[in-house]
C-alpha atoms as a PDB file:
ATOM      1  CA  MET A   1       0.239  -0.079  -0.179  1.00  0.00           C
ATOM      2  CA  HIS A   2       1.339   3.250  -0.824  1.00  0.00           C
ATOM      3  CA  LYS A   3       0.198   7.161   0.836  1.00  0.00           C
ATOM      4  CA  GLN A   4      -1.322   8.908  -2.234  1.00  0.00           C
ATOM      5  CA  ARG A   5       0.111  12.730  -2.976  1.00  0.00           C
ATOM      6  CA  PHE A   6      -2.218  15.580  -2.427  1.00  0.00           C
ATOM      7  CA  GLN A   7      -0.812  18.735  -2.805  1.00  0.00           C
ATOM      8  CA  PHE A   8      -2.639  21.419  -5.518  1.00  0.00           C
ATOM      9  CA  GLN A   9      -2.302  25.386  -6.675  1.00  0.00           C
ATOM     10  CA  PHE A  10      -5.600  27.539  -5.766  1.00  0.00           C
ATOM     11  CA  ALA A  11      -5.015  31.498  -5.721  1.00  0.00           C
ATOM     12  CA  ASN A  12      -1.133  30.953  -6.021  1.00  0.00           C
ATOM     13  CA  GLN A  13      -1.386  29.015  -2.925  1.00  0.00           C
ATOM     14  CA  GLU A  14      -0.161  25.291  -2.287  1.00  0.00           C
ATOM     15  CA  ILE A  15      -1.846  22.939  -0.383  1.00  0.00           C
ATOM     16  CA  LYS A  16       0.222  20.333   0.078  1.00  0.00           C
ATOM     17  CA  SER A  17      -3.382  18.079   2.547  1.00  0.00           C
ATOM     18  CA  PRO A  18      -6.962  17.963   3.083  1.00  0.00           C
ATOM     19  CA  ILE A  19      -7.196  19.592   6.370  1.00  0.00           C
ATOM     20  CA  ALA A  20      -4.645  22.585   4.717  1.00  0.00           C
ATOM     21  CA  GLY A  21      -7.543  22.853   2.066  1.00  0.00           C
ATOM     22  CA  LEU A  22     -10.115  23.125   4.474  1.00  0.00           C
ATOM     23  CA  VAL A  23      -8.305  25.467   7.238  1.00  0.00           C
ATOM     24  CA  PHE A  24      -7.838  27.757   3.726  1.00  0.00           C
ATOM     25  CA  LEU A  25     -11.194  28.045   2.346  1.00  0.00           C
ATOM     26  CA  LYS A  26     -12.532  28.692   5.945  1.00  0.00           C
ATOM     27  CA  GLN A  27     -10.397  31.636   5.738  1.00  0.00           C
ATOM     28  CA  LEU A  28     -11.222  32.760   2.209  1.00  0.00           C
ATOM     29  CA  ALA A  29     -14.529  32.862   3.677  1.00  0.00           C
ATOM     30  CA  GLU A  30     -14.240  34.601   6.479  1.00  0.00           C
ATOM     31  CA  GLN A  31     -12.305  37.015   4.482  1.00  0.00           C
ATOM     32  CA  GLY A  32     -15.930  37.567   2.313  1.00  0.00           C
ATOM     33  CA  HIS A  33     -13.657  36.090  -0.574  1.00  0.00           C
ATOM     34  CA  TYR A  34     -14.842  33.063  -1.540  1.00  0.00           C
ATOM     35  CA  LYS A  35     -18.768  32.786  -1.546  1.00  0.00           C
ATOM     36  CA  PRO A  36     -20.235  28.847  -2.101  1.00  0.00           C
ATOM     37  CA  VAL A  37     -23.320  29.250  -4.525  1.00  0.00           C
ATOM     38  CA  VAL A  38     -26.751  27.509  -3.320  1.00  0.00           C
ATOM     39  CA  ASP A  39     -29.518  26.912  -5.784  1.00  0.00           C
ATOM     40  CA  ARG A  40     -31.191  25.065  -3.976  1.00  0.00           C
ATOM     41  CA  SER A  41     -31.569  22.756  -0.869  1.00  0.00           C
ATOM     42  CA  PHE A  42     -33.959  19.807  -0.233  1.00  0.00           C
ATOM     43  CA  PRO A  43     -34.564  17.994   3.656  1.00  0.00           C
ATOM     44  CA  LEU A  44     -33.319  14.789   3.824  1.00  0.00           C
ATOM     45  CA  ALA A  45     -36.302  13.108   3.184  1.00  0.00           C
ATOM     46  CA  ASP A  46     -37.002  14.407  -0.298  1.00  0.00           C
ATOM     47  CA  ILE A  47     -33.579  13.078  -1.488  1.00  0.00           C
ATOM     48  CA  ALA A  48     -34.902  11.359  -4.284  1.00  0.00           C
ATOM     49  CA  GLU A  49     -36.395  14.482  -5.159  1.00  0.00           C
ATOM     50  CA  ALA A  50     -33.278  16.141  -4.813  1.00  0.00           C
ATOM     51  CA  HIS A  51     -31.345  13.530  -7.057  1.00  0.00           C
ATOM     52  CA  THR A  52     -33.983  14.236  -9.399  1.00  0.00           C
ATOM     53  CA  TYR A  53     -33.555  18.059 -10.006  1.00  0.00           C
ATOM     54  CA  VAL A  54     -29.627  18.084 -10.228  1.00  0.00           C
ATOM     55  CA  ALA A  55     -29.751  14.676 -13.107  1.00  0.00           C
ATOM     56  CA  SER A  56     -32.695  17.128 -15.131  1.00  0.00           C
ATOM     57  CA  GLY A  57     -29.441  19.883 -15.628  1.00  0.00           C
ATOM     58  CA  ARG A  58     -31.769  22.747 -14.476  1.00  0.00           C
ATOM     59  CA  LYS A  59     -29.520  23.398 -11.391  1.00  0.00           C
ATOM     60  CA  VAL A  60     -27.202  26.717 -12.079  1.00  0.00           C
ATOM     61  CA  GLY A  61     -25.345  26.503  -8.584  1.00  0.00           C
ATOM     62  CA  ASN A  62     -25.209  23.762  -5.785  1.00  0.00           C
ATOM     63  CA  VAL A  63     -27.778  21.674  -4.353  1.00  0.00           C
ATOM     64  CA  ALA A  64     -27.992  21.291  -0.565  1.00  0.00           C
ATOM     65  CA  VAL A  65     -29.606  17.964   1.388  1.00  0.00           C
ATOM     66  CA  VAL A  66     -30.413  18.985   5.394  1.00  0.00           C
ATOM     67  CA  VAL A  67     -29.856  16.346   7.630  1.00  0.00           C
ATOM     68  CA  CYS A  68     -31.096  17.724  10.600  1.00  0.00           C
ATOM     69  CA  GLY A  69     -33.504  20.631  11.098  1.00  0.00           C
ATOM     70  CA  GLY A  70     -32.824  23.642   9.605  1.00  0.00           C
ATOM     71  CA  ASP A  71     -34.505  26.300   6.493  1.00  0.00           C
ATOM     72  CA  THR A  72     -34.253  24.302   3.629  1.00  0.00           C
ATOM     73  CA  GLY A  73     -35.241  27.542   1.315  1.00  0.00           C
ATOM     74  CA  GLY A  74     -37.053  25.338  -1.530  1.00  0.00           C
END
């Protein structure tokens, strides 16, 4: 078994591990430089509808599945 190497460049920042990547994204979000686009969100009970929506090709951002509570923003 060999260890896979993790490394990529983003915004002239070299990211060497998944944790470093998450920390970097967190910093960008806190500074207001990263704003994810969520097209729609669905409660977990409607996962089949969420899948159908994604497969339809109509989405223009990410689709979130809400696991517990929260606003689904439909």
